[in-house]
Amino acid sequence: MNAEPADQIRLLDVQALDVRLSQLTHKRKMLPEHAEVDALTSDLAQQRDFLVAAQTQATDAAREQTKAEQDVDQVRQRAARDQARLDSGAGISARDLANLQSEVVSLAKRQGDLEDVVLEVMERLEGAQERVTELTDRVASLETKLVDATARRDAATGEIDAEVAGIAKDREVIVTTMPAALIALYEKIRVKQGGVGAARLSQRRCEGCRLELDLAEVNEIKAAARDQVVRHESCGRILVRMADSGI
C-alpha cells in the first residue's frame, strides 16, 4: 500500500488520540465512585431488607400484644363476675360455692400467666421498635450517601465523556481527510495489536513493541519508497518514518 508521507505521519496523531481515548475509557471504568456506588447500593438493599423484617416483627408483636391483652381482659371480666357471685352469696349451694372459689383461684393464676405473656410481648415489641428506628436511621443515612456518591460519579463520568466527545471530534476531523484504505489498515492492525496500529520508527526501533529492527529489515525499509507503507515484521504495526528514524 502507498500513502503520502504526510498522511503516514498523521497516523501518529490519530494513534495518539486513540491512546488517549483508551486511557479515558479505562479511567471511566475504574472511577472509585463506581465501586462506592455499588457498595452503597448493596448495603442499602441489605439494610432495607433488615428494616422490612424488623417492621414485620414489630407488627406481629403489636398484634400479639393486642391478643394477649384481650385474653387478660376476658379472664379478668370472668373472674370479676365469679367474685361478684361469691360476694353476693345469693342462691349458691355449698357445692357451687366451692366450685366458684376454685375457679376464682384458677382464673387468678391464669390472669397472672397471661399478664406475664403481655409483659414478654411488650418487651419484644419495644426491642423490635428500637430496631426499626435504628434501621430507619441507617437506611436514611445510606440513601444520603448514595445520592452523594451517585452525583460525584455522574459528575466525574460527565467530565470524561465531554473530553471523549471532544477527542472523538478531533479524530474525525483528521480521519476524514486521510486515505480510507490507510485508515482501514490502521484500524485492522490497531484492533489486533491491543490498541496500537501505527508506531514511530525511532533510531531503528519500533516504538510500538520497543524492539529494534534487524539489519535486513532496516535495509529493506531504506530501499522502500517514501510513500510506501511499511510494517514491522515482528509486531505487524505500521512503521512511520521520521527524520530521526535513523533510516
Protein backbone atom coordinates (compact mmCIF):
# COMPACT_ATOMS: atom_id res chain seq x y z
CA MET A 1 0.00 0.00 0.00
CA ASN A 2 1.15 3.53 -0.76
CA ALA A 3 0.25 6.73 1.06
CA GLU A 4 1.76 10.18 1.18
CA PRO A 5 4.44 10.50 3.89
CA ALA A 6 2.43 13.35 5.42
CA ASP A 7 -0.61 11.09 5.75
CA GLN A 8 1.53 8.38 7.33
CA ILE A 9 2.84 10.90 9.86
CA ARG A 10 -0.72 11.97 10.62
CA LEU A 11 -1.43 8.39 11.59
CA LEU A 12 0.63 9.12 14.69
CA ASP A 13 -1.77 11.94 15.53
CA VAL A 14 -4.68 9.56 15.15
CA GLN A 15 -2.84 6.97 17.22
CA ALA A 16 -2.17 9.49 20.00
CA LEU A 17 -5.86 10.37 20.09
CA ASP A 18 -6.82 6.68 20.19
CA VAL A 19 -4.42 6.08 23.06
CA ARG A 20 -5.98 8.96 24.95
CA LEU A 21 -9.46 7.60 24.23
CA SER A 22 -8.41 4.21 25.58
CA GLN A 23 -6.97 5.85 28.67
CA LEU A 24 -10.18 7.76 29.25
CA THR A 25 -12.27 4.63 28.76
CA HIS A 26 -10.16 2.84 31.35
CA LYS A 27 -10.31 5.82 33.68
CA ARG A 28 -14.08 5.97 33.40
CA LYS A 29 -14.41 2.27 34.12
CA MET A 30 -12.06 2.43 37.12
CA LEU A 31 -13.50 5.52 38.79
CA PRO A 32 -13.58 4.84 42.55
CA GLU A 33 -17.09 6.27 42.64
CA HIS A 34 -18.35 3.20 40.73
CA ALA A 35 -17.20 0.87 43.48
CA GLU A 36 -18.53 3.26 46.11
CA VAL A 37 -21.96 3.41 44.48
CA ASP A 38 -22.06 -0.37 44.06
CA ALA A 39 -21.08 -0.95 47.69
CA LEU A 40 -23.62 1.56 48.98
CA THR A 41 -26.34 0.15 46.74
CA SER A 42 -25.67 -3.36 48.01
CA ASP A 43 -25.51 -2.22 51.64
CA LEU A 44 -28.69 -0.18 51.26
CA ALA A 45 -30.57 -3.12 49.76
CA GLN A 46 -29.48 -5.32 52.65
CA GLN A 47 -30.43 -2.75 55.29
CA ARG A 48 -33.81 -2.24 53.63
CA ASP A 49 -34.39 -5.99 53.85
CA PHE A 50 -33.44 -5.90 57.52
CA LEU A 51 -35.83 -2.97 58.04
CA VAL A 52 -38.72 -4.81 56.41
CA ALA A 53 -38.01 -7.82 58.61
CA ALA A 54 -37.88 -5.63 61.73
CA GLN A 55 -41.11 -3.87 60.76
CA THR A 56 -42.76 -7.25 60.26
CA GLN A 57 -41.56 -8.38 63.69
CA ALA A 58 -42.87 -5.18 65.26
CA THR A 59 -46.23 -5.56 63.55
CA ASP A 60 -46.51 -9.20 64.62
CA ALA A 61 -45.52 -8.32 68.19
CA ALA A 62 -48.07 -5.50 68.32
CA ARG A 63 -50.78 -7.85 67.08
CA GLU A 64 -49.69 -10.49 69.59
CA GLN A 65 -49.76 -7.91 72.40
CA THR A 66 -53.29 -6.86 71.48
CA LYS A 67 -54.42 -10.50 71.52
CA ALA A 68 -52.71 -11.16 74.86
CA GLU A 69 -54.26 -8.07 76.43
CA GLN A 70 -57.69 -9.14 75.17
CA ASP A 71 -57.16 -12.57 76.74
CA VAL A 72 -56.21 -10.94 80.04
CA ASP A 73 -59.28 -8.71 79.90
CA GLN A 74 -61.57 -11.69 79.23
CA VAL A 75 -60.14 -13.62 82.19
CA ARG A 76 -60.36 -10.53 84.39
CA GLN A 77 -64.01 -9.98 83.47
CA ARG A 78 -64.88 -13.60 84.15
CA ALA A 79 -63.06 -13.52 87.46
CA ALA A 80 -64.91 -10.32 88.39
CA ARG A 81 -68.26 -11.97 87.64
CA ASP A 82 -67.38 -15.02 89.72
CA GLN A 83 -66.18 -12.86 92.55
CA ALA A 84 -69.39 -10.86 92.42
CA ARG A 85 -71.42 -14.05 92.74
CA LEU A 86 -69.28 -15.15 95.67
CA ASP A 87 -69.68 -11.82 97.36
CA SER A 88 -73.45 -11.87 97.00
CA GLY A 89 -73.79 -15.49 98.13
CA ALA A 90 -77.40 -15.48 96.98
CA GLY A 91 -78.81 -18.80 95.77
CA ILE A 92 -75.46 -20.56 95.77
CA SER A 93 -75.18 -24.06 97.12
CA ALA A 94 -72.19 -25.17 99.13
CA ARG A 95 -71.01 -27.21 96.17
CA ASP A 96 -71.37 -24.27 93.76
CA LEU A 97 -69.60 -22.04 96.24
CA ALA A 98 -66.65 -24.42 96.38
CA ASN A 99 -66.54 -24.59 92.59
CA LEU A 100 -66.67 -20.81 92.28
CA GLN A 101 -63.89 -20.37 94.82
CA SER A 102 -61.76 -22.92 92.93
CA GLU A 103 -62.48 -21.19 89.61
CA VAL A 104 -61.58 -17.79 91.03
CA VAL A 105 -58.23 -19.14 92.16
CA SER A 106 -57.67 -20.78 88.79
CA LEU A 107 -58.61 -17.60 86.94
CA ALA A 108 -56.25 -15.56 89.11
CA LYS A 109 -53.41 -17.88 88.15
CA ARG A 110 -54.48 -17.77 84.51
CA GLN A 111 -54.59 -13.98 84.61
CA GLY A 112 -51.13 -13.86 86.12
CA ASP A 113 -49.75 -16.14 83.44
CA LEU A 114 -51.36 -14.08 80.69
CA GLU A 115 -50.07 -10.84 82.18
CA ASP A 116 -46.58 -12.35 82.11
CA VAL A 117 -47.15 -13.10 78.44
CA VAL A 118 -48.20 -9.49 77.87
CA LEU A 119 -45.03 -8.21 79.54
CA GLU A 120 -42.86 -10.58 77.49
CA VAL A 121 -44.57 -9.49 74.26
CA MET A 122 -44.24 -5.82 75.24
CA GLU A 123 -40.51 -6.29 75.72
CA ARG A 124 -40.21 -7.92 72.32
CA LEU A 125 -42.28 -5.16 70.76
CA GLU A 126 -40.10 -2.49 72.35
CA GLY A 127 -36.96 -4.23 71.06
CA ALA A 128 -38.45 -4.55 67.58
CA GLN A 129 -39.48 -0.88 67.55
CA GLU A 130 -36.00 0.17 68.63
CA ARG A 131 -34.59 -2.00 65.84
CA VAL A 132 -36.97 -0.36 63.34
CA THR A 133 -35.84 3.10 64.48
CA GLU A 134 -32.18 2.12 64.24
CA LEU A 135 -32.57 0.62 60.78
CA THR A 136 -34.70 3.53 59.57
CA ASP A 137 -31.92 5.92 60.52
CA ARG A 138 -29.33 3.67 58.92
CA VAL A 139 -31.30 3.41 55.68
CA ALA A 140 -31.76 7.18 55.57
CA SER A 141 -28.03 7.71 56.10
CA LEU A 142 -27.14 5.25 53.35
CA GLU A 143 -29.63 6.86 50.98
CA THR A 144 -27.99 10.23 51.57
CA LYS A 145 -24.54 8.77 51.00
CA LEU A 146 -25.72 7.01 47.85
CA VAL A 147 -27.19 10.20 46.44
CA ASP A 148 -23.90 12.00 47.10
CA ALA A 149 -21.75 9.20 45.63
CA THR A 150 -24.00 8.95 42.59
CA ALA A 151 -23.76 12.69 42.00
CA ARG A 152 -19.97 12.57 42.26
CA ARG A 153 -19.81 9.58 39.92
CA ASP A 154 -22.08 11.26 37.38
CA ALA A 155 -20.02 14.45 37.56
CA ALA A 156 -16.77 12.53 37.03
CA THR A 157 -18.15 10.46 34.15
CA GLY A 158 -19.66 13.60 32.66
CA GLU A 159 -16.26 15.29 32.57
CA ILE A 160 -14.68 12.24 31.00
CA ASP A 161 -17.48 11.88 28.46
CA ALA A 162 -17.10 15.53 27.49
CA GLU A 163 -13.37 15.05 26.93
CA VAL A 164 -14.02 11.86 24.96
CA ALA A 165 -16.52 13.67 22.76
CA GLY A 166 -14.00 16.44 22.05
CA ILE A 167 -11.22 13.99 21.21
CA ALA A 168 -13.54 11.91 19.03
CA LYS A 169 -14.47 15.06 17.12
CA ASP A 170 -10.81 16.00 16.62
CA ARG A 171 -10.10 12.46 15.46
CA GLU A 172 -12.94 12.56 12.98
CA VAL A 173 -11.63 15.79 11.51
CA ILE A 174 -8.24 14.17 10.87
CA VAL A 175 -9.54 10.81 9.67
CA THR A 176 -11.92 12.27 7.10
CA THR A 177 -9.01 13.96 5.33
CA MET A 178 -6.88 10.83 5.11
CA PRO A 179 -6.95 7.93 2.61
CA ALA A 180 -9.71 5.49 3.57
CA ALA A 181 -7.53 2.47 2.76
CA LEU A 182 -4.76 3.66 5.08
CA ILE A 183 -7.21 4.23 7.92
CA ALA A 184 -8.83 0.83 7.32
CA LEU A 185 -5.44 -0.89 7.54
CA TYR A 186 -4.56 1.06 10.65
CA GLU A 187 -7.86 0.16 12.32
CA LYS A 188 -7.44 -3.52 11.49
CA ILE A 189 -3.95 -3.61 13.00
CA ARG A 190 -4.97 -1.50 15.98
CA VAL A 191 -7.73 -3.92 16.95
CA LYS A 192 -5.39 -6.87 16.59
CA GLN A 193 -2.47 -5.26 18.43
CA GLY A 194 -4.20 -4.09 21.56
CA GLY A 195 -4.95 -0.53 20.54
CA VAL A 196 -1.74 0.42 18.72
CA GLY A 197 -1.86 0.20 14.94
CA ALA A 198 0.90 2.65 13.98
CA ALA A 199 4.17 3.47 15.68
CA ARG A 200 7.06 5.82 15.16
CA LEU A 201 10.28 4.31 13.82
CA SER A 202 12.89 5.95 16.04
CA GLN A 203 16.60 5.15 15.89
CA ARG A 204 15.78 1.88 14.13
CA ARG A 205 13.43 0.89 16.97
CA CYS A 206 9.69 0.28 16.71
CA GLU A 207 8.06 2.45 19.35
CA GLY A 208 5.05 0.12 19.30
CA CYS A 209 6.72 -3.05 20.55
CA ARG A 210 10.03 -1.41 21.59
CA LEU A 211 12.03 -3.92 19.55
CA GLU A 212 14.98 -2.89 17.39
CA LEU A 213 14.83 -3.81 13.72
CA ASP A 214 17.39 -6.25 12.41
CA LEU A 215 19.79 -5.21 9.65
CA ALA A 216 17.88 -6.95 6.87
CA GLU A 217 14.65 -5.20 7.77
CA VAL A 218 16.44 -1.86 8.06
CA ASN A 219 17.90 -2.28 4.58
CA GLU A 220 14.51 -3.28 3.21
CA ILE A 221 12.89 -0.16 4.63
CA LYS A 222 15.73 2.02 3.34
CA ALA A 223 15.06 0.69 -0.13
CA ALA A 224 11.31 1.32 0.13
CA ALA A 225 9.83 4.42 -1.49
CA ARG A 226 8.88 7.19 0.92
CA ASP A 227 5.20 6.77 0.05
CA GLN A 228 5.28 3.03 0.68
CA VAL A 229 3.56 1.96 3.88
CA VAL A 230 5.99 -0.28 5.72
CA ARG A 231 5.27 -2.56 8.65
CA HIS A 232 7.35 -4.10 11.36
CA GLU A 233 7.81 -7.81 10.74
CA SER A 234 7.74 -8.62 14.47
CA CYS A 235 4.56 -6.89 15.57
CA GLY A 236 2.90 -6.08 12.26
CA ARG A 237 2.34 -2.41 13.11
CA ILE A 238 2.68 0.35 10.55
CA LEU A 239 6.08 1.97 10.95
CA VAL A 240 6.03 5.70 10.43
CA ARG A 241 9.40 7.02 9.24
CA MET A 242 10.50 10.34 10.67
CA ALA A 243 13.64 12.46 10.39
CA ASP A 244 15.10 10.80 13.48
CA SER A 245 14.27 7.27 12.41
CA GLY A 246 17.89 6.53 11.56
CA ILE A 247 16.95 5.25 8.13
